[in-house]
Amino acid sequence: MANYNRVILAGNLTRDPQLSYMPSGTPVVDFGLAINRRWKSQDGHQREETCFVDCRAYQRSAETINEFMKKGRPLLVEGRLKLDQWEGKDGQKRSKLYVVVDTFQFLGGRPEGGPGGAPARGRPAAVAEPGSDAPPLGDDVGGDDIPF
């Protein structure tokens, strides 16, 4: 049986991105997304639930997300689920499921106070090599190629 691990999410950042560097010098950014779901219940009332998802991006993608995103801004991500497992200091087994971001796209217009007012262009800011288990290889987005 074939396996498939692909996730596409669009939501708002729940906190400012947190950029760090691996011992090898590779940039890593962690951030959270809030994805809202709205529906009408059987009794006719509007219902809403929010799903909170942790995400992680590497290399140029990490730097771009850290530079241009902040809490509350909308973002579309595509990637794969990854499960980390470890033993805590208290001896308890712990685990965390998160999305490893392969590609992303800024949503909405420019942030308040930014130059211009044009909406975001529709091209991904970074692309990973398909099927790779290594961190994604981002394309180099120069100052004149800022994706919004």
C-alpha atoms as a PDB file:
ATOM      1  CA  MET A   1       0.000   0.000   0.000  1.00  0.00           C
ATOM      2  CA  ALA A   2       1.291   3.455  -0.932  1.00  0.00           C
ATOM      3  CA  ASN A   3       1.693   6.148   1.712  1.00  0.00           C
ATOM      4  CA  TYR A   4       0.879   9.810   1.322  1.00  0.00           C
ATOM      5  CA  ASN A   5       1.624  12.629   3.768  1.00  0.00           C
ATOM      6  CA  ARG A   6       0.494  16.035   2.503  1.00  0.00           C
ATOM      7  CA  VAL A   7      -1.114  18.958   4.344  1.00  0.00           C
ATOM      8  CA  ILE A   8      -2.489  22.241   3.008  1.00  0.00           C
ATOM      9  CA  LEU A   9      -3.601  24.835   5.565  1.00  0.00           C
ATOM     10  CA  ALA A  10      -4.652  28.475   5.425  1.00  0.00           C
ATOM     11  CA  GLY A  11      -4.953  30.398   8.647  1.00  0.00           C
ATOM     12  CA  ASN A  12      -3.640  33.239  10.794  1.00  0.00           C
ATOM     13  CA  LEU A  13      -0.406  33.212  12.766  1.00  0.00           C
ATOM     14  CA  THR A  14      -1.051  32.740  16.485  1.00  0.00           C
ATOM     15  CA  ARG A  15       2.285  34.264  17.516  1.00  0.00           C
ATOM     16  CA  ASP A  16       5.246  36.018  15.947  1.00  0.00           C
ATOM     17  CA  PRO A  17       7.599  33.596  14.168  1.00  0.00           C
ATOM     18  CA  GLN A  18      10.560  32.407  16.267  1.00  0.00           C
ATOM     19  CA  LEU A  19      13.758  32.144  14.216  1.00  0.00           C
ATOM     20  CA  SER A  20      16.665  30.007  15.425  1.00  0.00           C
ATOM     21  CA  TYR A  21      19.615  28.225  13.858  1.00  0.00           C
ATOM     22  CA  MET A  22      20.590  24.566  13.853  1.00  0.00           C
ATOM     23  CA  PRO A  23      24.208  23.727  14.858  1.00  0.00           C
ATOM     24  CA  SER A  24      24.935  23.439  11.115  1.00  0.00           C
ATOM     25  CA  GLY A  25      23.836  27.079  10.678  1.00  0.00           C
ATOM     26  CA  THR A  26      20.554  26.224   8.913  1.00  0.00           C
ATOM     27  CA  PRO A  27      17.800  28.726   9.757  1.00  0.00           C
ATOM     28  CA  VAL A  28      14.633  27.274  11.342  1.00  0.00           C
ATOM     29  CA  VAL A  29      11.437  29.159  12.114  1.00  0.00           C
ATOM     30  CA  ASP A  30       8.608  27.937  14.314  1.00  0.00           C
ATOM     31  CA  PHE A  31       5.147  29.476  14.264  1.00  0.00           C
ATOM     32  CA  GLY A  32       1.549  28.545  14.949  1.00  0.00           C
ATOM     33  CA  LEU A  33      -1.498  28.773  12.710  1.00  0.00           C
ATOM     34  CA  ALA A  34      -5.123  29.111  13.788  1.00  0.00           C
ATOM     35  CA  ILE A  35      -7.555  27.624  11.282  1.00  0.00           C
ATOM     36  CA  ASN A  36     -11.228  28.482  11.797  1.00  0.00           C
ATOM     37  CA  ARG A  37     -14.135  26.292  10.706  1.00  0.00           C
ATOM     38  CA  ARG A  38     -17.676  27.648  10.601  1.00  0.00           C
ATOM     39  CA  TRP A  39     -20.862  25.687  10.035  1.00  0.00           C
ATOM     40  CA  LYS A  40     -24.553  25.700  10.793  1.00  0.00           C
ATOM     41  CA  SER A  41     -25.665  23.073  13.318  1.00  0.00           C
ATOM     42  CA  GLN A  42     -28.791  20.932  12.958  1.00  0.00           C
ATOM     43  CA  ASP A  43     -30.667  23.337  15.223  1.00  0.00           C
ATOM     44  CA  GLY A  44     -29.815  26.225  12.854  1.00  0.00           C
ATOM     45  CA  HIS A  45     -27.238  27.961  15.053  1.00  0.00           C
ATOM     46  CA  GLN A  46     -23.929  29.124  13.657  1.00  0.00           C
ATOM     47  CA  ARG A  47     -21.024  27.193  15.154  1.00  0.00           C
ATOM     48  CA  GLU A  48     -17.315  27.807  15.000  1.00  0.00           C
ATOM     49  CA  GLU A  49     -14.242  25.861  16.054  1.00  0.00           C
ATOM     50  CA  THR A  50     -10.584  26.753  15.829  1.00  0.00           C
ATOM     51  CA  CYS A  51      -7.774  24.284  15.202  1.00  0.00           C
ATOM     52  CA  PHE A  52      -4.300  25.328  16.349  1.00  0.00           C
ATOM     53  CA  VAL A  53      -1.395  23.824  14.393  1.00  0.00           C
ATOM     54  CA  ASP A  54       2.341  24.211  14.998  1.00  0.00           C
ATOM     55  CA  CYS A  55       4.487  24.669  11.881  1.00  0.00           C
ATOM     56  CA  ARG A  56       8.215  24.680  11.136  1.00  0.00           C
ATOM     57  CA  ALA A  57      10.078  25.941   8.055  1.00  0.00           C
ATOM     58  CA  TYR A  58      13.768  25.725   7.148  1.00  0.00           C
ATOM     59  CA  GLN A  59      16.408  27.598   5.139  1.00  0.00           C
ATOM     60  CA  ARG A  60      15.317  30.557   2.983  1.00  0.00           C
ATOM     61  CA  SER A  61      11.658  29.843   3.744  1.00  0.00           C
ATOM     62  CA  ALA A  62      12.393  30.299   7.450  1.00  0.00           C
ATOM     63  CA  GLU A  63      14.123  33.624   6.877  1.00  0.00           C
ATOM     64  CA  THR A  64      11.340  34.941   4.617  1.00  0.00           C
ATOM     65  CA  ILE A  65       8.537  33.964   6.988  1.00  0.00           C
ATOM     66  CA  ASN A  66      10.428  35.495   9.919  1.00  0.00           C
ATOM     67  CA  GLU A  67      11.035  38.727   8.023  1.00  0.00           C
ATOM     68  CA  PHE A  68       7.557  39.367   6.638  1.00  0.00           C
ATOM     69  CA  MET A  69       5.076  37.629   8.944  1.00  0.00           C
ATOM     70  CA  LYS A  70       3.802  38.498  12.411  1.00  0.00           C
ATOM     71  CA  LYS A  71       1.000  37.465  14.735  1.00  0.00           C
ATOM     72  CA  GLY A  72      -2.439  37.735  13.128  1.00  0.00           C
ATOM     73  CA  ARG A  73      -1.272  37.754   9.494  1.00  0.00           C
ATOM     74  CA  PRO A  74      -2.820  35.157   7.119  1.00  0.00           C
ATOM     75  CA  LEU A  75      -0.610  32.492   5.542  1.00  0.00           C
ATOM     76  CA  LEU A  76      -1.149  29.436   3.346  1.00  0.00           C
ATOM     77  CA  VAL A  77       1.255  26.545   3.925  1.00  0.00           C
ATOM     78  CA  GLU A  78       1.772  23.212   2.214  1.00  0.00           C
ATOM     79  CA  GLY A  79       3.883  20.512   3.742  1.00  0.00           C
ATOM     80  CA  ARG A  80       3.917  17.207   5.587  1.00  0.00           C
ATOM     81  CA  LEU A  81       3.139  16.036   9.096  1.00  0.00           C
ATOM     82  CA  LYS A  82       6.043  15.057  11.344  1.00  0.00           C
ATOM     83  CA  LEU A  83       5.917  13.455  14.776  1.00  0.00           C
ATOM     84  CA  ASP A  84       8.695  14.148  17.277  1.00  0.00           C
ATOM     85  CA  GLN A  85       8.951  11.903  20.335  1.00  0.00           C
ATOM     86  CA  TRP A  86      11.181  12.346  23.377  1.00  0.00           C
ATOM     87  CA  GLU A  87      11.391  11.715  27.070  1.00  0.00           C
ATOM     88  CA  GLY A  88      10.832  14.707  29.322  1.00  0.00           C
ATOM     89  CA  LYS A  89      12.966  15.654  32.316  1.00  0.00           C
ATOM     90  CA  ASP A  90      10.299  14.073  34.500  1.00  0.00           C
ATOM     91  CA  GLY A  91      10.739  10.726  32.702  1.00  0.00           C
ATOM     92  CA  GLN A  92       7.387  10.966  30.911  1.00  0.00           C
ATOM     93  CA  LYS A  93       7.243  10.157  27.189  1.00  0.00           C
ATOM     94  CA  ARG A  94       6.230  13.184  25.171  1.00  0.00           C
ATOM     95  CA  SER A  95       5.296  13.714  21.535  1.00  0.00           C
ATOM     96  CA  LYS A  96       4.421  16.597  19.244  1.00  0.00           C
ATOM     97  CA  LEU A  97       2.827  16.565  15.799  1.00  0.00           C
ATOM     98  CA  TYR A  98       3.574  19.529  13.527  1.00  0.00           C
ATOM     99  CA  VAL A  99       3.708  20.554   9.874  1.00  0.00           C
ATOM    100  CA  VAL A 100       7.066  20.771   8.107  1.00  0.00           C
ATOM    101  CA  VAL A 101       6.466  23.563   5.576  1.00  0.00           C
ATOM    102  CA  ASP A 102       7.585  22.830   2.019  1.00  0.00           C
ATOM    103  CA  THR A 103       5.936  25.802   0.300  1.00  0.00           C
ATOM    104  CA  PHE A 104       3.974  28.803   1.483  1.00  0.00           C
ATOM    105  CA  GLN A 105       2.108  31.791   0.143  1.00  0.00           C
ATOM    106  CA  PHE A 106       1.362  35.123   1.778  1.00  0.00           C
ATOM    107  CA  LEU A 107      -2.361  35.888   1.832  1.00  0.00           C
ATOM    108  CA  GLY A 108      -4.102  39.255   2.004  1.00  0.00           C
ATOM    109  CA  GLY A 109      -2.608  42.623   1.186  1.00  0.00           C
ATOM    110  CA  ARG A 110       0.417  44.412   2.519  1.00  0.00           C
ATOM    111  CA  PRO A 111       0.596  44.837   6.294  1.00  0.00           C
ATOM    112  CA  GLU A 112      -0.526  48.141   7.795  1.00  0.00           C
ATOM    113  CA  GLY A 113       2.105  50.828   7.411  1.00  0.00           C
ATOM    114  CA  GLY A 114       3.881  48.981   4.590  1.00  0.00           C
ATOM    115  CA  PRO A 115       4.778  50.747   1.341  1.00  0.00           C
ATOM    116  CA  GLY A 116       2.156  50.575  -1.408  1.00  0.00           C
ATOM    117  CA  GLY A 117      -1.114  48.788  -1.050  1.00  0.00           C
ATOM    118  CA  ALA A 118      -1.103  46.114  -3.702  1.00  0.00           C
ATOM    119  CA  PRO A 119      -2.318  42.665  -2.741  1.00  0.00           C
ATOM    120  CA  ALA A 120       0.131  39.790  -2.390  1.00  0.00           C
ATOM    121  CA  ARG A 121       1.286  38.167  -5.599  1.00  0.00           C
ATOM    122  CA  GLY A 122       0.170  34.587  -6.067  1.00  0.00           C
ATOM    123  CA  ARG A 123       3.515  32.820  -6.251  1.00  0.00           C
ATOM    124  CA  PRO A 124       5.001  30.716  -3.480  1.00  0.00           C
ATOM    125  CA  ALA A 125       7.943  32.313  -1.730  1.00  0.00           C
ATOM    126  CA  ALA A 126       9.825  29.047  -1.348  1.00  0.00           C
ATOM    127  CA  VAL A 127       9.714  25.568  -2.827  1.00  0.00           C
ATOM    128  CA  ALA A 128      11.216  22.347  -1.520  1.00  0.00           C
ATOM    129  CA  GLU A 129      12.381  19.367  -3.523  1.00  0.00           C
ATOM    130  CA  PRO A 130       9.504  16.854  -3.702  1.00  0.00           C
ATOM    131  CA  GLY A 131       9.995  13.638  -1.759  1.00  0.00           C
ATOM    132  CA  SER A 132      12.998  14.967   0.123  1.00  0.00           C
ATOM    133  CA  ASP A 133      13.308  14.124   3.812  1.00  0.00           C
ATOM    134  CA  ALA A 134      15.812  16.952   4.253  1.00  0.00           C
ATOM    135  CA  PRO A 135      14.711  20.485   5.126  1.00  0.00           C
ATOM    136  CA  PRO A 136      13.193  22.275   2.115  1.00  0.00           C
ATOM    137  CA  LEU A 137      15.439  24.118  -0.309  1.00  0.00           C
ATOM    138  CA  GLY A 138      14.075  27.666  -0.559  1.00  0.00           C
ATOM    139  CA  ASP A 139      14.564  29.812  -3.633  1.00  0.00           C
ATOM    140  CA  ASP A 140      16.497  33.011  -3.185  1.00  0.00           C
ATOM    141  CA  VAL A 141      14.038  35.886  -2.953  1.00  0.00           C
ATOM    142  CA  GLY A 142      15.945  39.094  -3.505  1.00  0.00           C
ATOM    143  CA  GLY A 143      14.943  42.524  -2.203  1.00  0.00           C
ATOM    144  CA  ASP A 144      13.240  43.390  -5.504  1.00  0.00           C
ATOM    145  CA  ASP A 145      11.413  40.037  -5.560  1.00  0.00           C
ATOM    146  CA  ILE A 146       9.609  40.361  -2.240  1.00  0.00           C
ATOM    147  CA  PRO A 147       6.467  38.285  -2.774  1.00  0.00           C
ATOM    148  CA  PHE A 148       4.016  41.088  -1.962  1.00  0.00           C
END
